[in-house]
């Protein structure tokens, strides 16, 4: 980058940013809370919404099946603007 002209550096940075913006962040669900009646799953706010919906439902169903109530039903989502995380609440039902 040292041998590049200022215009070339800006162009390179612009291309790099556009390329990185096209990268999809995987929806990796992380169980943060489970009490038998509900499960909270955390994902990145930048992940693909369709993938988040599918993967969080799968993980919630898996976790709820371990307790006395077997079915996971979506209840709500909270977004933390400070950490760019979403907390998805699922109720465990019979």
PDB file of N, CA and C in Angstrom:
ATOM      1  N   UNK A   1       0.825  -1.190   0.000  1.00  0.00           N
ATOM      2  CA  UNK A   1       0.000   0.000   0.000  1.00  0.00           C
ATOM      3  C   UNK A   1       0.875   1.261   0.000  1.00  0.00           C
ATOM      4  N   UNK A   2       2.135   1.158   0.451  1.00  0.00           N
ATOM      5  CA  UNK A   2       2.987   2.341   0.513  1.00  0.00           C
ATOM      6  C   UNK A   2       3.260   2.914  -0.870  1.00  0.00           C
ATOM      7  N   UNK A   3       3.367   2.060  -1.878  1.00  0.00           N
ATOM      8  CA  UNK A   3       3.704   2.516  -3.218  1.00  0.00           C
ATOM      9  C   UNK A   3       2.486   2.971  -4.004  1.00  0.00           C
ATOM     10  N   UNK A   4       1.334   2.946  -3.412  1.00  0.00           N
ATOM     11  CA  UNK A   4       0.109   3.335  -4.104  1.00  0.00           C
ATOM     12  C   UNK A   4      -0.115   4.840  -3.972  1.00  0.00           C
ATOM     13  N   UNK A   5      -0.700   5.408  -5.006  1.00  0.00           N
ATOM     14  CA  UNK A   5      -1.081   6.824  -4.978  1.00  0.00           C
ATOM     15  C   UNK A   5      -2.322   6.962  -4.099  1.00  0.00           C
ATOM     16  N   UNK A   6      -2.591   8.150  -3.563  1.00  0.00           N
ATOM     17  CA  UNK A   6      -3.771   8.334  -2.696  1.00  0.00           C
ATOM     18  C   UNK A   6      -5.071   7.872  -3.344  1.00  0.00           C
ATOM     19  N   UNK A   7      -5.252   8.161  -4.631  1.00  0.00           N
ATOM     20  CA  UNK A   7      -6.468   7.734  -5.319  1.00  0.00           C
ATOM     21  C   UNK A   7      -6.553   6.212  -5.370  1.00  0.00           C
ATOM     22  N   UNK A   8      -5.440   5.554  -5.614  1.00  0.00           N
ATOM     23  CA  UNK A   8      -5.416   4.097  -5.673  1.00  0.00           C
ATOM     24  C   UNK A   8      -5.738   3.496  -4.310  1.00  0.00           C
ATOM     25  N   UNK A   9      -5.232   4.120  -3.249  1.00  0.00           N
ATOM     26  CA  UNK A   9      -5.528   3.632  -1.896  1.00  0.00           C
ATOM     27  C   UNK A   9      -7.015   3.727  -1.601  1.00  0.00           C
ATOM     28  N   UNK A  10      -7.606   4.874  -1.958  1.00  0.00           N
ATOM     29  CA  UNK A  10      -9.039   5.048  -1.712  1.00  0.00           C
ATOM     30  C   UNK A  10      -9.851   4.039  -2.532  1.00  0.00           C
ATOM     31  N   UNK A  11      -9.466   3.831  -3.767  1.00  0.00           N
ATOM     32  CA  UNK A  11     -10.171   2.871  -4.614  1.00  0.00           C
ATOM     33  C   UNK A  11     -10.051   1.462  -4.046  1.00  0.00           C
ATOM     34  N   UNK A  12      -8.853   1.117  -3.611  1.00  0.00           N
ATOM     35  CA  UNK A  12      -8.630  -0.202  -3.023  1.00  0.00           C
ATOM     36  C   UNK A  12      -9.497  -0.382  -1.782  1.00  0.00           C
ATOM     37  N   UNK A  13      -9.532   0.624  -0.914  1.00  0.00           N
ATOM     38  CA  UNK A  13     -10.336   0.556   0.311  1.00  0.00           C
ATOM     39  C   UNK A  13     -11.820   0.452  -0.015  1.00  0.00           C
ATOM     40  N   UNK A  14     -12.262   1.194  -1.019  1.00  0.00           N
ATOM     41  CA  UNK A  14     -13.672   1.148  -1.405  1.00  0.00           C
ATOM     42  C   UNK A  14     -14.046  -0.242  -1.909  1.00  0.00           C
ATOM     43  N   UNK A  15     -13.210  -0.823  -2.744  1.00  0.00           N
ATOM     44  CA  UNK A  15     -13.474  -2.170  -3.258  1.00  0.00           C
ATOM     45  C   UNK A  15     -13.466  -3.176  -2.115  1.00  0.00           C
ATOM     46  N   UNK A  16     -12.543  -3.028  -1.202  1.00  0.00           N
ATOM     47  CA  UNK A  16     -12.458  -3.928  -0.046  1.00  0.00           C
ATOM     48  C   UNK A  16     -13.723  -3.841   0.808  1.00  0.00           C
ATOM     49  N   UNK A  17     -14.203  -2.640   1.074  1.00  0.00           N
ATOM     50  CA  UNK A  17     -15.415  -2.464   1.879  1.00  0.00           C
ATOM     51  C   UNK A  17     -16.639  -3.059   1.197  1.00  0.00           C
ATOM     52  N   UNK A  18     -16.755  -2.855  -0.108  1.00  0.00           N
ATOM     53  CA  UNK A  18     -17.890  -3.418  -0.846  1.00  0.00           C
ATOM     54  C   UNK A  18     -17.835  -4.941  -0.816  1.00  0.00           C
ATOM     55  N   UNK A  19     -16.655  -5.496  -0.954  1.00  0.00           N
ATOM     56  CA  UNK A  19     -16.491  -6.948  -0.911  1.00  0.00           C
ATOM     57  C   UNK A  19     -16.864  -7.500   0.452  1.00  0.00           C
ATOM     58  N   UNK A  20     -16.404  -6.847   1.506  1.00  0.00           N
ATOM     59  CA  UNK A  20     -16.713  -7.307   2.853  1.00  0.00           C
ATOM     60  C   UNK A  20     -18.190  -7.150   3.187  1.00  0.00           C
ATOM     61  N   UNK A  21     -18.828  -6.140   2.659  1.00  0.00           N
ATOM     62  CA  UNK A  21     -20.254  -5.932   2.929  1.00  0.00           C
ATOM     63  C   UNK A  21     -21.088  -7.064   2.349  1.00  0.00           C
ATOM     64  N   UNK A  22     -20.612  -7.701   1.298  1.00  0.00           N
ATOM     65  CA  UNK A  22     -21.332  -8.806   0.686  1.00  0.00           C
ATOM     66  C   UNK A  22     -21.171 -10.121   1.425  1.00  0.00           C
ATOM     67  N   UNK A  23     -20.270 -10.175   2.388  1.00  0.00           N
ATOM     68  CA  UNK A  23     -20.054 -11.404   3.143  1.00  0.00           C
ATOM     69  C   UNK A  23     -21.202 -11.630   4.122  1.00  0.00           C
ATOM     70  N   UNK A  24     -21.703 -12.823   4.123  1.00  0.00           N
ATOM     71  CA  UNK A  24     -22.798 -13.156   5.041  1.00  0.00           C
ATOM     72  C   UNK A  24     -22.227 -13.654   6.357  1.00  0.00           C
ATOM     73  N   UNK A  25     -22.759 -13.141   7.444  1.00  0.00           N
ATOM     74  CA  UNK A  25     -22.360 -13.610   8.763  1.00  0.00           C
ATOM     75  C   UNK A  25     -23.252 -14.792   9.112  1.00  0.00           C
ATOM     76  N   UNK A  26     -22.670 -15.927   9.467  1.00  0.00           N
ATOM     77  CA  UNK A  26     -23.499 -17.098   9.760  1.00  0.00           C
ATOM     78  C   UNK A  26     -24.350 -16.891  11.006  1.00  0.00           C
ATOM     79  N   UNK A  27     -25.527 -17.488  10.980  1.00  0.00           N
ATOM     80  CA  UNK A  27     -26.430 -17.424  12.130  1.00  0.00           C
ATOM     81  C   UNK A  27     -26.048 -18.542  13.087  1.00  0.00           C
ATOM     82  N   UNK A  28     -25.156 -18.231  14.003  1.00  0.00           N
ATOM     83  CA  UNK A  28     -24.715 -19.213  14.988  1.00  0.00           C
ATOM     84  C   UNK A  28     -25.505 -18.992  16.274  1.00  0.00           C
ATOM     85  N   UNK A  29     -26.487 -19.846  16.550  1.00  0.00           N
ATOM     86  CA  UNK A  29     -27.292 -19.651  17.753  1.00  0.00           C
ATOM     87  C   UNK A  29     -26.542 -20.083  19.010  1.00  0.00           C
ATOM     88  N   UNK A  30     -26.610 -19.246  20.036  1.00  0.00           N
ATOM     89  CA  UNK A  30     -25.980 -19.536  21.318  1.00  0.00           C
ATOM     90  C   UNK A  30     -27.052 -19.494  22.392  1.00  0.00           C
ATOM     91  N   UNK A  31     -27.213 -20.579  23.119  1.00  0.00           N
ATOM     92  CA  UNK A  31     -28.200 -20.630  24.194  1.00  0.00           C
ATOM     93  C   UNK A  31     -27.647 -19.843  25.379  1.00  0.00           C
ATOM     94  N   UNK A  32     -28.387 -18.814  25.791  1.00  0.00           N
ATOM     95  CA  UNK A  32     -27.924 -18.011  26.924  1.00  0.00           C
ATOM     96  C   UNK A  32     -28.690 -18.318  28.204  1.00  0.00           C
ATOM     97  N   UNK A  33     -29.934 -18.782  28.087  1.00  0.00           N
ATOM     98  CA  UNK A  33     -30.730 -19.108  29.268  1.00  0.00           C
ATOM     99  C   UNK A  33     -31.697 -20.240  28.947  1.00  0.00           C
ATOM    100  N   UNK A  34     -31.906 -21.113  29.928  1.00  0.00           N
ATOM    101  CA  UNK A  34     -32.907 -22.177  29.816  1.00  0.00           C
ATOM    102  C   UNK A  34     -33.362 -22.529  31.223  1.00  0.00           C
ATOM    103  N   UNK A  35     -34.692 -22.534  31.426  1.00  0.00           N
ATOM    104  CA  UNK A  35     -35.195 -22.849  32.767  1.00  0.00           C
ATOM    105  C   UNK A  35     -36.282 -23.926  32.755  1.00  0.00           C
ATOM    106  N   UNK A  36     -36.453 -24.606  31.639  1.00  0.00           N
ATOM    107  CA  UNK A  36     -37.484 -25.633  31.527  1.00  0.00           C
ATOM    108  C   UNK A  36     -38.775 -25.108  30.935  1.00  0.00           C
ATOM    109  N   UNK A  37     -39.073 -23.827  31.177  1.00  0.00           N
ATOM    110  CA  UNK A  37     -40.279 -23.212  30.633  1.00  0.00           C
ATOM    111  C   UNK A  37     -39.986 -22.314  29.434  1.00  0.00           C
ATOM    112  N   UNK A  38     -38.752 -21.843  29.331  1.00  0.00           N
ATOM    113  CA  UNK A  38     -38.369 -20.989  28.211  1.00  0.00           C
ATOM    114  C   UNK A  38     -36.876 -21.127  27.937  1.00  0.00           C
ATOM    115  N   UNK A  39     -36.503 -20.721  26.730  1.00  0.00           N
ATOM    116  CA  UNK A  39     -35.096 -20.728  26.332  1.00  0.00           C
ATOM    117  C   UNK A  39     -34.829 -19.421  25.587  1.00  0.00           C
ATOM    118  N   UNK A  40     -33.688 -18.803  25.871  1.00  0.00           N
ATOM    119  CA  UNK A  40     -33.270 -17.595  25.172  1.00  0.00           C
ATOM    120  C   UNK A  40     -32.039 -17.928  24.353  1.00  0.00           C
ATOM    121  N   UNK A  41     -32.093 -17.543  23.085  1.00  0.00           N
ATOM    122  CA  UNK A  41     -31.006 -17.838  22.155  1.00  0.00           C
ATOM    123  C   UNK A  41     -30.498 -16.524  21.582  1.00  0.00           C
ATOM    124  N   UNK A  42     -29.172 -16.348  21.569  1.00  0.00           N
ATOM    125  CA  UNK A  42     -28.546 -15.123  21.092  1.00  0.00           C
ATOM    126  C   UNK A  42     -27.911 -15.362  19.725  1.00  0.00           C
ATOM    127  N   UNK A  43     -28.120 -14.392  18.799  1.00  0.00           N
ATOM    128  CA  UNK A  43     -27.495 -14.428  17.476  1.00  0.00           C
ATOM    129  C   UNK A  43     -26.968 -13.030  17.148  1.00  0.00           C
ATOM    130  N   UNK A  44     -26.170 -12.943  16.097  1.00  0.00           N
ATOM    131  CA  UNK A  44     -25.663 -11.664  15.624  1.00  0.00           C
ATOM    132  C   UNK A  44     -26.782 -10.905  14.922  1.00  0.00           C
ATOM    133  N   UNK A  45     -26.840  -9.600  15.141  1.00  0.00           N
ATOM    134  CA  UNK A  45     -27.837  -8.764  14.473  1.00  0.00           C
ATOM    135  C   UNK A  45     -27.521  -8.610  12.988  1.00  0.00           C
ATOM    136  N   UNK A  46     -26.311  -8.972  12.563  1.00  0.00           N
ATOM    137  CA  UNK A  46     -25.914  -8.838  11.172  1.00  0.00           C
ATOM    138  C   UNK A  46     -26.174 -10.101  10.339  1.00  0.00           C
ATOM    139  N   UNK A  47     -26.592 -11.168  10.976  1.00  0.00           N
ATOM    140  CA  UNK A  47     -26.820 -12.438  10.269  1.00  0.00           C
ATOM    141  C   UNK A  47     -28.078 -12.355   9.416  1.00  0.00           C
ATOM    142  N   UNK A  48     -28.148 -13.212   8.420  1.00  0.00           N
ATOM    143  CA  UNK A  48     -29.291 -13.289   7.510  1.00  0.00           C
ATOM    144  C   UNK A  48     -30.563 -13.656   8.285  1.00  0.00           C
ATOM    145  N   UNK A  49     -31.610 -12.824   8.226  1.00  0.00           N
ATOM    146  CA  UNK A  49     -32.824 -13.071   9.012  1.00  0.00           C
ATOM    147  C   UNK A  49     -33.476 -14.434   8.764  1.00  0.00           C
ATOM    148  N   UNK A  50     -33.494 -14.887   7.525  1.00  0.00           N
ATOM    149  CA  UNK A  50     -34.109 -16.188   7.227  1.00  0.00           C
ATOM    150  C   UNK A  50     -33.320 -17.315   7.892  1.00  0.00           C
ATOM    151  N   UNK A  51     -32.008 -17.217   7.839  1.00  0.00           N
ATOM    152  CA  UNK A  51     -31.158 -18.224   8.458  1.00  0.00           C
ATOM    153  C   UNK A  51     -31.296 -18.184   9.979  1.00  0.00           C
ATOM    154  N   UNK A  52     -31.374 -16.979  10.532  1.00  0.00           N
ATOM    155  CA  UNK A  52     -31.547 -16.826  11.982  1.00  0.00           C
ATOM    156  C   UNK A  52     -32.841 -17.485  12.424  1.00  0.00           C
ATOM    157  N   UNK A  53     -33.916 -17.234  11.702  1.00  0.00           N
ATOM    158  CA  UNK A  53     -35.218 -17.799  12.069  1.00  0.00           C
ATOM    159  C   UNK A  53     -35.171 -19.325  12.091  1.00  0.00           C
ATOM    160  N   UNK A  54     -34.592 -19.909  11.063  1.00  0.00           N
ATOM    161  CA  UNK A  54     -34.526 -21.369  10.956  1.00  0.00           C
ATOM    162  C   UNK A  54     -33.623 -21.964  12.038  1.00  0.00           C
ATOM    163  N   UNK A  55     -32.420 -21.412  12.185  1.00  0.00           N
ATOM    164  CA  UNK A  55     -31.453 -22.003  13.115  1.00  0.00           C
ATOM    165  C   UNK A  55     -31.852 -21.808  14.578  1.00  0.00           C
ATOM    166  N   UNK A  56     -32.454 -20.664  14.903  1.00  0.00           N
ATOM    167  CA  UNK A  56     -32.879 -20.469  16.287  1.00  0.00           C
ATOM    168  C   UNK A  56     -34.042 -21.392  16.631  1.00  0.00           C
ATOM    169  N   UNK A  57     -34.946 -21.611  15.673  1.00  0.00           N
ATOM    170  CA  UNK A  57     -36.064 -22.529  15.918  1.00  0.00           C
ATOM    171  C   UNK A  57     -35.549 -23.949  16.142  1.00  0.00           C
ATOM    172  N   UNK A  58     -34.587 -24.374  15.327  1.00  0.00           N
ATOM    173  CA  UNK A  58     -34.003 -25.706  15.482  1.00  0.00           C
ATOM    174  C   UNK A  58     -33.329 -25.861  16.849  1.00  0.00           C
ATOM    175  N   UNK A  59     -32.555 -24.852  17.241  1.00  0.00           N
ATOM    176  CA  UNK A  59     -31.845 -24.930  18.522  1.00  0.00           C
ATOM    177  C   UNK A  59     -32.826 -24.882  19.693  1.00  0.00           C
ATOM    178  N   UNK A  60     -33.837 -24.035  19.611  1.00  0.00           N
ATOM    179  CA  UNK A  60     -34.837 -23.961  20.674  1.00  0.00           C
ATOM    180  C   UNK A  60     -35.584 -25.286  20.806  1.00  0.00           C
ATOM    181  N   UNK A  61     -35.929 -25.890  19.693  1.00  0.00           N
ATOM    182  CA  UNK A  61     -36.618 -27.191  19.725  1.00  0.00           C
ATOM    183  C   UNK A  61     -35.737 -28.255  20.360  1.00  0.00           C
ATOM    184  N   UNK A  62     -34.462 -28.242  20.031  1.00  0.00           N
ATOM    185  CA  UNK A  62     -33.518 -29.214  20.601  1.00  0.00           C
ATOM    186  C   UNK A  62     -33.402 -29.039  22.113  1.00  0.00           C
ATOM    187  N   UNK A  63     -33.279 -27.799  22.561  1.00  0.00           N
ATOM    188  CA  UNK A  63     -33.113 -27.527  23.990  1.00  0.00           C
ATOM    189  C   UNK A  63     -34.396 -27.826  24.758  1.00  0.00           C
ATOM    190  N   UNK A  64     -35.545 -27.398  24.254  1.00  0.00           N
ATOM    191  CA  UNK A  64     -36.816 -27.651  24.947  1.00  0.00           C
ATOM    192  C   UNK A  64     -37.082 -29.143  25.080  1.00  0.00           C
ATOM    193  N   UNK A  65     -36.668 -29.921  24.099  1.00  0.00           N
ATOM    194  CA  UNK A  65     -36.884 -31.369  24.135  1.00  0.00           C
ATOM    195  C   UNK A  65     -36.128 -32.033  25.287  1.00  0.00           C
ATOM    196  N   UNK A  66     -35.127 -31.377  25.822  1.00  0.00           N
ATOM    197  CA  UNK A  66     -34.361 -31.936  26.944  1.00  0.00           C
ATOM    198  C   UNK A  66     -35.101 -31.808  28.271  1.00  0.00           C
ATOM    199  N   UNK A  67     -36.063 -30.898  28.341  1.00  0.00           N
ATOM    200  CA  UNK A  67     -36.812 -30.675  29.578  1.00  0.00           C
ATOM    201  C   UNK A  67     -38.161 -31.381  29.541  1.00  0.00           C
ATOM    202  N   UNK A  68     -39.030 -31.062  30.506  1.00  0.00           N
ATOM    203  CA  UNK A  68     -40.335 -31.723  30.591  1.00  0.00           C
ATOM    204  C   UNK A  68     -41.307 -31.293  29.487  1.00  0.00           C
ATOM    205  N   UNK A  69     -41.120 -30.112  28.940  1.00  0.00           N
ATOM    206  CA  UNK A  69     -41.989 -29.610  27.874  1.00  0.00           C
ATOM    207  C   UNK A  69     -41.234 -29.749  26.557  1.00  0.00           C
ATOM    208  N   UNK A  70     -41.871 -30.285  25.541  1.00  0.00           N
ATOM    209  CA  UNK A  70     -41.137 -30.730  24.357  1.00  0.00           C
ATOM    210  C   UNK A  70     -41.167 -29.798  23.151  1.00  0.00           C
ATOM    211  N   UNK A  71     -42.090 -28.851  23.095  1.00  0.00           N
ATOM    212  CA  UNK A  71     -42.264 -28.037  21.893  1.00  0.00           C
ATOM    213  C   UNK A  71     -41.809 -26.602  22.153  1.00  0.00           C
ATOM    214  N   UNK A  72     -41.065 -26.017  21.205  1.00  0.00           N
ATOM    215  CA  UNK A  72     -40.589 -24.637  21.328  1.00  0.00           C
ATOM    216  C   UNK A  72     -41.448 -23.733  20.458  1.00  0.00           C
ATOM    217  N   UNK A  73     -41.969 -22.664  21.073  1.00  0.00           N
ATOM    218  CA  UNK A  73     -42.771 -21.694  20.328  1.00  0.00           C
ATOM    219  C   UNK A  73     -42.140 -20.317  20.472  1.00  0.00           C
ATOM    220  N   UNK A  74     -41.918 -19.658  19.324  1.00  0.00           N
ATOM    221  CA  UNK A  74     -41.302 -18.327  19.317  1.00  0.00           C
ATOM    222  C   UNK A  74     -42.173 -17.332  20.083  1.00  0.00           C
ATOM    223  N   UNK A  75     -41.544 -16.474  20.901  1.00  0.00           N
ATOM    224  CA  UNK A  75     -42.287 -15.468  21.662  1.00  0.00           C
ATOM    225  C   UNK A  75     -41.874 -14.042  21.287  1.00  0.00           C
ATOM    226  N   UNK A  76     -40.556 -13.759  21.271  1.00  0.00           N
ATOM    227  CA  UNK A  76     -40.136 -12.382  20.986  1.00  0.00           C
ATOM    228  C   UNK A  76     -38.646 -12.305  20.678  1.00  0.00           C
ATOM    229  N   UNK A  77     -38.241 -11.117  20.179  1.00  0.00           N
ATOM    230  CA  UNK A  77     -36.826 -10.838  19.914  1.00  0.00           C
ATOM    231  C   UNK A  77     -36.501  -9.452  20.454  1.00  0.00           C
ATOM    232  N   UNK A  78     -35.378  -9.361  21.174  1.00  0.00           N
ATOM    233  CA  UNK A  78     -34.848  -8.073  21.635  1.00  0.00           C
ATOM    234  C   UNK A  78     -33.505  -7.855  20.964  1.00  0.00           C
ATOM    235  N   UNK A  79     -33.256  -6.623  20.509  1.00  0.00           N
ATOM    236  CA  UNK A  79     -31.979  -6.290  19.893  1.00  0.00           C
ATOM    237  C   UNK A  79     -31.197  -5.380  20.823  1.00  0.00           C
ATOM    238  N   UNK A  80     -29.950  -5.739  21.086  1.00  0.00           N
ATOM    239  CA  UNK A  80     -29.058  -4.928  21.900  1.00  0.00           C
ATOM    240  C   UNK A  80     -28.225  -4.069  20.949  1.00  0.00           C
ATOM    241  N   UNK A  81     -28.469  -2.770  20.944  1.00  0.00           N
ATOM    242  CA  UNK A  81     -27.766  -1.857  20.039  1.00  0.00           C
ATOM    243  C   UNK A  81     -26.294  -1.673  20.412  1.00  0.00           C
ATOM    244  N   UNK A  82     -25.937  -1.993  21.635  1.00  0.00           N
ATOM    245  CA  UNK A  82     -24.549  -1.828  22.083  1.00  0.00           C
ATOM    246  C   UNK A  82     -23.654  -2.974  21.617  1.00  0.00           C
ATOM    247  N   UNK A  83     -24.210  -4.184  21.569  1.00  0.00           N
ATOM    248  CA  UNK A  83     -23.403  -5.358  21.224  1.00  0.00           C
ATOM    249  C   UNK A  83     -23.780  -5.957  19.868  1.00  0.00           C
ATOM    250  N   UNK A  84     -24.816  -5.411  19.222  1.00  0.00           N
ATOM    251  CA  UNK A  84     -25.299  -5.918  17.931  1.00  0.00           C
ATOM    252  C   UNK A  84     -25.685  -7.392  18.006  1.00  0.00           C
ATOM    253  N   UNK A  85     -26.334  -7.733  19.110  1.00  0.00           N
ATOM    254  CA  UNK A  85     -26.837  -9.090  19.310  1.00  0.00           C
ATOM    255  C   UNK A  85     -28.355  -9.057  19.410  1.00  0.00           C
ATOM    256  N   UNK A  86     -28.959 -10.159  19.023  1.00  0.00           N
ATOM    257  CA  UNK A  86     -30.398 -10.320  19.171  1.00  0.00           C
ATOM    258  C   UNK A  86     -30.655 -11.478  20.121  1.00  0.00           C
ATOM    259  N   UNK A  87     -31.569 -11.273  21.065  1.00  0.00           N
ATOM    260  CA  UNK A  87     -31.963 -12.324  22.003  1.00  0.00           C
ATOM    261  C   UNK A  87     -33.360 -12.785  21.620  1.00  0.00           C
ATOM    262  N   UNK A  88     -33.473 -14.057  21.256  1.00  0.00           N
ATOM    263  CA  UNK A  88     -34.739 -14.640  20.810  1.00  0.00           C
ATOM    264  C   UNK A  88     -35.297 -15.498  21.947  1.00  0.00           C
ATOM    265  N   UNK A  89     -36.509 -15.175  22.391  1.00  0.00           N
ATOM    266  CA  UNK A  89     -37.149 -15.911  23.472  1.00  0.00           C
ATOM    267  C   UNK A  89     -38.117 -16.926  22.883  1.00  0.00           C
ATOM    268  N   UNK A  90     -37.999 -18.166  23.323  1.00  0.00           N
ATOM    269  CA  UNK A  90     -38.911 -19.251  22.935  1.00  0.00           C
ATOM    270  C   UNK A  90     -39.524 -19.818  24.203  1.00  0.00           C
ATOM    271  N   UNK A  91     -40.832 -20.092  24.156  1.00  0.00           N
ATOM    272  CA  UNK A  91     -41.499 -20.757  25.257  1.00  0.00           C
ATOM    273  C   UNK A  91     -41.498 -22.250  25.005  1.00  0.00           C
ATOM    274  N   UNK A  92     -41.229 -23.036  26.040  1.00  0.00           N
ATOM    275  CA  UNK A  92     -41.273 -24.497  25.938  1.00  0.00           C
ATOM    276  C   UNK A  92     -42.662 -24.935  26.371  1.00  0.00           C
ATOM    277  N   UNK A  93     -43.392 -25.559  25.461  1.00  0.00           N
ATOM    278  CA  UNK A  93     -44.774 -25.959  25.708  1.00  0.00           C
ATOM    279  C   UNK A  93     -44.955 -27.464  25.527  1.00  0.00           C
ATOM    280  N   UNK A  94     -46.050 -27.987  26.070  1.00  0.00           N
ATOM    281  CA  UNK A  94     -46.373 -29.414  25.897  1.00  0.00           C
ATOM    282  C   UNK A  94     -46.940 -29.666  24.533  1.00  0.00           C
TER     283      UNK A  94
END
